[in-house]
Amino acid sequence: MKLYKTSEKLISENYPYGFRLKTTKTDYIEFKKSHGFRSCSVTVNPKTGRINNPKKSTYYNIMVLGKDENNHTKSMTFDFYGDDGVDKVINFMKVKENFDLFTPEQIEYIYMQFLVHIKADIQAQVIYCGSDFKDLKPLFNNGITLIVKGIKDKGTVNYFDQISFDWEKINSFKVEDYQPFKVTSYSV
């Protein structure tokens, strides 16, 4: 799939409109710093020549548009949920061509979301898995430092190729059979 910059609009000619009509469809990414990314598409009514109301998806942490081998527009989304989600974001963003698809403001937003999710993961592992923060801190320190540098640099520098987390070691600090919601005593 060929990916396009988030600022580009992808125009598809001869897009089906009903059973027999064809029209022009424009796909683009909408970005709001308070919400994230979402895909939008708008068509032209071939009967009147007027632009229809845009159709908009839900917001995602990261989204890019691309065209597949059949020249169909597709969206690619990423999130930071779980070890696999974090690794997918890192592996996607560390590629220079992928990093360059975004504006500096969008990169800064991605770094901010990354920091929020990593901190939430650490806190969740301490609260719900019984891990000790002192054990986890050194395993996350380098990654968090690089993420903060990315935020301070206003999204102009790619630190994703230097960020990595040893999930096997991080997960080894989870307490087996830990039950944070288990009631151990009753009061009358």
C-alpha atoms as a PDB file:
ATOM      1  CA  MET A   1       0.000   0.000   0.000  1.00  0.00           C
ATOM      2  CA  LYS A   2       1.273   3.462  -0.908  1.00  0.00           C
ATOM      3  CA  LEU A   3       0.897   5.881   2.004  1.00  0.00           C
ATOM      4  CA  TYR A   4       0.291   9.623   1.660  1.00  0.00           C
ATOM      5  CA  LYS A   5       1.067  12.636   3.836  1.00  0.00           C
ATOM      6  CA  THR A   6      -1.672  13.516   6.290  1.00  0.00           C
ATOM      7  CA  SER A   7      -1.992  16.922   4.629  1.00  0.00           C
ATOM      8  CA  GLU A   8      -2.768  15.450   1.178  1.00  0.00           C
ATOM      9  CA  LYS A   9      -6.231  14.921  -0.250  1.00  0.00           C
ATOM     10  CA  LEU A  10      -6.789  11.765  -2.282  1.00  0.00           C
ATOM     11  CA  ILE A  11      -9.182  12.185  -5.200  1.00  0.00           C
ATOM     12  CA  SER A  12     -10.937   9.216  -6.768  1.00  0.00           C
ATOM     13  CA  GLU A  13     -12.656   9.737 -10.124  1.00  0.00           C
ATOM     14  CA  ASN A  14     -15.551   7.557 -11.347  1.00  0.00           C
ATOM     15  CA  TYR A  15     -16.547   6.659  -7.804  1.00  0.00           C
ATOM     16  CA  PRO A  16     -19.907   4.795  -7.795  1.00  0.00           C
ATOM     17  CA  TYR A  17     -22.884   6.941  -6.811  1.00  0.00           C
ATOM     18  CA  GLY A  18     -25.997   4.817  -6.593  1.00  0.00           C
ATOM     19  CA  PHE A  19     -26.556   2.114  -9.238  1.00  0.00           C
ATOM     20  CA  ARG A  20     -25.628   3.909 -12.465  1.00  0.00           C
ATOM     21  CA  LEU A  21     -24.031   7.249 -11.669  1.00  0.00           C
ATOM     22  CA  LYS A  22     -20.358   8.042 -11.096  1.00  0.00           C
ATOM     23  CA  THR A  23     -18.866  10.932  -9.159  1.00  0.00           C
ATOM     24  CA  THR A  24     -15.676  12.325  -7.655  1.00  0.00           C
ATOM     25  CA  LYS A  25     -14.755  11.360  -4.102  1.00  0.00           C
ATOM     26  CA  THR A  26     -12.153  13.146  -1.974  1.00  0.00           C
ATOM     27  CA  ASP A  27     -10.593  11.439   1.066  1.00  0.00           C
ATOM     28  CA  TYR A  28      -8.526  13.300   3.631  1.00  0.00           C
ATOM     29  CA  ILE A  29      -7.344  13.176   7.247  1.00  0.00           C
ATOM     30  CA  GLU A  30      -8.707  15.583   9.818  1.00  0.00           C
ATOM     31  CA  PHE A  31      -6.454  16.265  12.813  1.00  0.00           C
ATOM     32  CA  LYS A  32      -7.388  17.995  16.056  1.00  0.00           C
ATOM     33  CA  LYS A  33      -4.804  18.278  18.815  1.00  0.00           C
ATOM     34  CA  SER A  34      -7.492  17.624  21.420  1.00  0.00           C
ATOM     35  CA  HIS A  35      -8.909  14.515  19.699  1.00  0.00           C
ATOM     36  CA  GLY A  36      -6.427  12.958  17.259  1.00  0.00           C
ATOM     37  CA  PHE A  37      -6.850  11.757  13.686  1.00  0.00           C
ATOM     38  CA  ARG A  38      -9.919  10.733  11.723  1.00  0.00           C
ATOM     39  CA  SER A  39     -10.603  10.002   8.086  1.00  0.00           C
ATOM     40  CA  CYS A  40     -13.099  12.099   6.163  1.00  0.00           C
ATOM     41  CA  SER A  41     -14.576  11.683   2.698  1.00  0.00           C
ATOM     42  CA  VAL A  42     -16.760  13.905   0.591  1.00  0.00           C
ATOM     43  CA  THR A  43     -18.507  13.250  -2.730  1.00  0.00           C
ATOM     44  CA  VAL A  44     -20.034  15.486  -5.357  1.00  0.00           C
ATOM     45  CA  ASN A  45     -23.698  14.927  -6.208  1.00  0.00           C
ATOM     46  CA  PRO A  46     -23.548  14.210  -9.967  1.00  0.00           C
ATOM     47  CA  LYS A  47     -27.141  15.359 -10.457  1.00  0.00           C
ATOM     48  CA  THR A  48     -26.658  18.831  -8.981  1.00  0.00           C
ATOM     49  CA  GLY A  49     -22.861  19.308  -8.955  1.00  0.00           C
ATOM     50  CA  ARG A  50     -23.020  20.286  -5.274  1.00  0.00           C
ATOM     51  CA  ILE A  51     -20.712  18.873  -2.633  1.00  0.00           C
ATOM     52  CA  ASN A  52     -22.397  16.462  -0.205  1.00  0.00           C
ATOM     53  CA  ASN A  53     -21.835  16.619   3.543  1.00  0.00           C
ATOM     54  CA  PRO A  54     -18.558  14.942   4.552  1.00  0.00           C
ATOM     55  CA  LYS A  55     -18.568  11.514   6.174  1.00  0.00           C
ATOM     56  CA  LYS A  56     -16.223  11.327   9.157  1.00  0.00           C
ATOM     57  CA  SER A  57     -14.866   8.347  11.113  1.00  0.00           C
ATOM     58  CA  THR A  58     -14.099   8.175  14.825  1.00  0.00           C
ATOM     59  CA  TYR A  59     -10.824   9.562  16.175  1.00  0.00           C
ATOM     60  CA  TYR A  60      -7.674   7.439  16.516  1.00  0.00           C
ATOM     61  CA  ASN A  61      -4.244   8.003  18.087  1.00  0.00           C
ATOM     62  CA  ILE A  62      -2.537   7.658  14.711  1.00  0.00           C
ATOM     63  CA  MET A  63      -4.009   7.413  11.214  1.00  0.00           C
ATOM     64  CA  VAL A  64      -2.689   7.628   7.654  1.00  0.00           C
ATOM     65  CA  LEU A  65      -4.347   7.189   4.285  1.00  0.00           C
ATOM     66  CA  GLY A  66      -3.064   5.034   1.465  1.00  0.00           C
ATOM     67  CA  LYS A  67      -4.065   3.430  -1.787  1.00  0.00           C
ATOM     68  CA  ASP A  68      -3.934  -0.324  -2.316  1.00  0.00           C
ATOM     69  CA  GLU A  69      -3.021  -2.220  -5.484  1.00  0.00           C
ATOM     70  CA  ASN A  70      -6.571  -1.687  -6.824  1.00  0.00           C
ATOM     71  CA  ASN A  71      -6.248   2.084  -6.301  1.00  0.00           C
ATOM     72  CA  HIS A  72      -8.811   1.976  -3.463  1.00  0.00           C
ATOM     73  CA  THR A  73      -8.304   4.416  -0.594  1.00  0.00           C
ATOM     74  CA  LYS A  74      -7.704   2.726   2.763  1.00  0.00           C
ATOM     75  CA  SER A  75      -6.926   4.073   6.209  1.00  0.00           C
ATOM     76  CA  MET A  76      -4.296   2.620   8.526  1.00  0.00           C
ATOM     77  CA  THR A  77      -4.743   3.155  12.258  1.00  0.00           C
ATOM     78  CA  PHE A  78      -2.466   2.582  15.237  1.00  0.00           C
ATOM     79  CA  ASP A  79      -2.929   2.781  18.995  1.00  0.00           C
ATOM     80  CA  PHE A  80      -0.758   2.338  22.070  1.00  0.00           C
ATOM     81  CA  TYR A  81      -2.801  -0.370  23.801  1.00  0.00           C
ATOM     82  CA  GLY A  82      -0.777  -3.316  25.031  1.00  0.00           C
ATOM     83  CA  ASP A  83       2.801  -4.343  24.343  1.00  0.00           C
ATOM     84  CA  ASP A  84       2.027  -5.190  20.709  1.00  0.00           C
ATOM     85  CA  GLY A  85       0.338  -1.836  20.078  1.00  0.00           C
ATOM     86  CA  VAL A  86       3.324   0.095  21.456  1.00  0.00           C
ATOM     87  CA  ASP A  87       5.767  -1.990  19.390  1.00  0.00           C
ATOM     88  CA  LYS A  88       3.690  -1.492  16.205  1.00  0.00           C
ATOM     89  CA  VAL A  89       3.726   2.283  16.701  1.00  0.00           C
ATOM     90  CA  ILE A  90       7.484   2.305  17.338  1.00  0.00           C
ATOM     91  CA  ASN A  91       8.197   0.095  14.301  1.00  0.00           C
ATOM     92  CA  PHE A  92       5.975   2.221  12.046  1.00  0.00           C
ATOM     93  CA  MET A  93       7.199   5.617  13.233  1.00  0.00           C
ATOM     94  CA  LYS A  94      10.917   4.789  13.258  1.00  0.00           C
ATOM     95  CA  VAL A  95      10.872   4.469   9.453  1.00  0.00           C
ATOM     96  CA  LYS A  96      11.854   7.903   8.117  1.00  0.00           C
ATOM     97  CA  GLU A  97       9.357   7.786   5.234  1.00  0.00           C
ATOM     98  CA  ASN A  98       6.509   7.059   7.664  1.00  0.00           C
ATOM     99  CA  PHE A  99       7.648   9.723  10.154  1.00  0.00           C
ATOM    100  CA  ASP A 100       7.712  12.280   7.310  1.00  0.00           C
ATOM    101  CA  LEU A 101       4.006  11.639   6.555  1.00  0.00           C
ATOM    102  CA  PHE A 102       3.072  13.748   9.598  1.00  0.00           C
ATOM    103  CA  THR A 103       3.419  17.445  10.407  1.00  0.00           C
ATOM    104  CA  PRO A 104       5.555  18.478  13.422  1.00  0.00           C
ATOM    105  CA  GLU A 105       2.356  19.370  15.328  1.00  0.00           C
ATOM    106  CA  GLN A 106       1.006  15.865  14.678  1.00  0.00           C
ATOM    107  CA  ILE A 107       4.310  14.238  15.709  1.00  0.00           C
ATOM    108  CA  GLU A 108       4.259  16.234  18.953  1.00  0.00           C
ATOM    109  CA  TYR A 109       0.701  14.974  19.547  1.00  0.00           C
ATOM    110  CA  ILE A 110       1.823  11.367  18.905  1.00  0.00           C
ATOM    111  CA  TYR A 111       4.698  11.756  21.393  1.00  0.00           C
ATOM    112  CA  MET A 112       2.252  13.194  23.965  1.00  0.00           C
ATOM    113  CA  GLN A 113      -0.187  10.301  23.500  1.00  0.00           C
ATOM    114  CA  PHE A 114       2.718   7.859  23.725  1.00  0.00           C
ATOM    115  CA  LEU A 115       3.819   9.371  27.051  1.00  0.00           C
ATOM    116  CA  VAL A 116       0.289   9.283  28.484  1.00  0.00           C
ATOM    117  CA  HIS A 117      -0.203   5.637  27.531  1.00  0.00           C
ATOM    118  CA  ILE A 118       3.212   4.496  28.809  1.00  0.00           C
ATOM    119  CA  LYS A 119       2.608   6.191  32.164  1.00  0.00           C
ATOM    120  CA  ALA A 120      -0.850   4.610  32.359  1.00  0.00           C
ATOM    121  CA  ASP A 121       0.655   1.181  31.545  1.00  0.00           C
ATOM    122  CA  ILE A 122       3.192   1.556  34.352  1.00  0.00           C
ATOM    123  CA  GLN A 123       0.543   2.619  36.849  1.00  0.00           C
ATOM    124  CA  ALA A 124      -1.793  -0.192  35.785  1.00  0.00           C
ATOM    125  CA  GLN A 125       0.961  -2.780  36.187  1.00  0.00           C
ATOM    126  CA  VAL A 126       1.685  -1.531  39.707  1.00  0.00           C
ATOM    127  CA  ILE A 127      -1.990  -1.380  40.764  1.00  0.00           C
ATOM    128  CA  TYR A 128      -3.479  -4.389  38.981  1.00  0.00           C
ATOM    129  CA  CYS A 129      -0.508  -6.744  38.621  1.00  0.00           C
ATOM    130  CA  GLY A 130       1.298  -6.161  41.930  1.00  0.00           C
ATOM    131  CA  SER A 131       4.566  -4.987  40.347  1.00  0.00           C
ATOM    132  CA  ASP A 132       6.884  -2.718  42.306  1.00  0.00           C
ATOM    133  CA  PHE A 133       7.463   0.695  40.707  1.00  0.00           C
ATOM    134  CA  LYS A 134      11.149   0.613  41.736  1.00  0.00           C
ATOM    135  CA  ASP A 135      11.608  -2.480  39.546  1.00  0.00           C
ATOM    136  CA  LEU A 136       9.772  -0.991  36.547  1.00  0.00           C
ATOM    137  CA  LYS A 137      11.266   2.502  36.585  1.00  0.00           C
ATOM    138  CA  PRO A 138      14.701   1.633  35.117  1.00  0.00           C
ATOM    139  CA  LEU A 139      13.057  -0.388  32.329  1.00  0.00           C
ATOM    140  CA  PHE A 140      10.966   2.599  31.176  1.00  0.00           C
ATOM    141  CA  ASN A 141      13.368   5.472  31.967  1.00  0.00           C
ATOM    142  CA  ASN A 142      15.236   5.599  28.643  1.00  0.00           C
ATOM    143  CA  GLY A 143      12.061   5.384  26.560  1.00  0.00           C
ATOM    144  CA  ILE A 144      10.290   8.076  28.572  1.00  0.00           C
ATOM    145  CA  THR A 145      13.346  10.360  28.360  1.00  0.00           C
ATOM    146  CA  LEU A 146      13.355  10.051  24.550  1.00  0.00           C
ATOM    147  CA  ILE A 147       9.596  10.634  24.328  1.00  0.00           C
ATOM    148  CA  VAL A 148       9.938  13.798  26.434  1.00  0.00           C
ATOM    149  CA  LYS A 149      12.805  14.958  24.171  1.00  0.00           C
ATOM    150  CA  GLY A 150      10.496  14.469  21.185  1.00  0.00           C
ATOM    151  CA  ILE A 151       7.847  16.633  22.855  1.00  0.00           C
ATOM    152  CA  LYS A 152      10.390  19.344  23.741  1.00  0.00           C
ATOM    153  CA  ASP A 153      11.693  19.332  20.156  1.00  0.00           C
ATOM    154  CA  LYS A 154       8.112  20.083  19.011  1.00  0.00           C
ATOM    155  CA  GLY A 155       7.919  16.923  16.903  1.00  0.00           C
ATOM    156  CA  THR A 156      10.827  17.804  14.608  1.00  0.00           C
ATOM    157  CA  VAL A 157      13.178  14.939  15.581  1.00  0.00           C
ATOM    158  CA  ASN A 158      12.521  11.207  15.173  1.00  0.00           C
ATOM    159  CA  TYR A 159      13.489   9.388  18.381  1.00  0.00           C
ATOM    160  CA  PHE A 160      11.347   6.337  17.655  1.00  0.00           C
ATOM    161  CA  ASP A 161      14.337   4.420  16.254  1.00  0.00           C
ATOM    162  CA  GLN A 162      15.998   4.722  19.692  1.00  0.00           C
ATOM    163  CA  ILE A 163      12.966   3.779  21.800  1.00  0.00           C
ATOM    164  CA  SER A 164      12.538   0.177  22.852  1.00  0.00           C
ATOM    165  CA  PHE A 165      11.042  -1.657  25.799  1.00  0.00           C
ATOM    166  CA  ASP A 166      11.972  -5.119  27.084  1.00  0.00           C
ATOM    167  CA  TRP A 167       8.407  -6.381  27.498  1.00  0.00           C
ATOM    168  CA  GLU A 168       9.515  -9.827  28.610  1.00  0.00           C
ATOM    169  CA  LYS A 169      11.468  -8.374  31.524  1.00  0.00           C
ATOM    170  CA  ILE A 170       8.744  -5.805  32.291  1.00  0.00           C
ATOM    171  CA  ASN A 171       6.079  -8.518  32.391  1.00  0.00           C
ATOM    172  CA  SER A 172       8.295 -10.739  34.561  1.00  0.00           C
ATOM    173  CA  PHE A 173       7.625  -8.364  37.471  1.00  0.00           C
ATOM    174  CA  LYS A 174       3.893  -9.147  37.424  1.00  0.00           C
ATOM    175  CA  VAL A 175       2.939 -11.035  40.577  1.00  0.00           C
ATOM    176  CA  GLU A 176       1.441 -14.415  39.718  1.00  0.00           C
ATOM    177  CA  ASP A 177      -2.165 -14.906  40.881  1.00  0.00           C
ATOM    178  CA  TYR A 178      -2.322 -11.292  42.095  1.00  0.00           C
ATOM    179  CA  GLN A 179      -5.928 -10.345  42.876  1.00  0.00           C
ATOM    180  CA  PRO A 180      -6.279  -6.642  43.721  1.00  0.00           C
ATOM    181  CA  PHE A 181     -10.063  -6.885  44.087  1.00  0.00           C
ATOM    182  CA  LYS A 182     -10.189  -9.904  46.358  1.00  0.00           C
ATOM    183  CA  VAL A 183     -12.101  -9.203  49.571  1.00  0.00           C
ATOM    184  CA  THR A 184     -10.126 -10.567  52.514  1.00  0.00           C
ATOM    185  CA  SER A 185     -12.333  -9.447  55.391  1.00  0.00           C
ATOM    186  CA  TYR A 186     -15.896  -8.407  56.056  1.00  0.00           C
ATOM    187  CA  SER A 187     -17.122  -5.912  58.600  1.00  0.00           C
ATOM    188  CA  VAL A 188     -20.563  -6.039  60.128  1.00  0.00           C
END
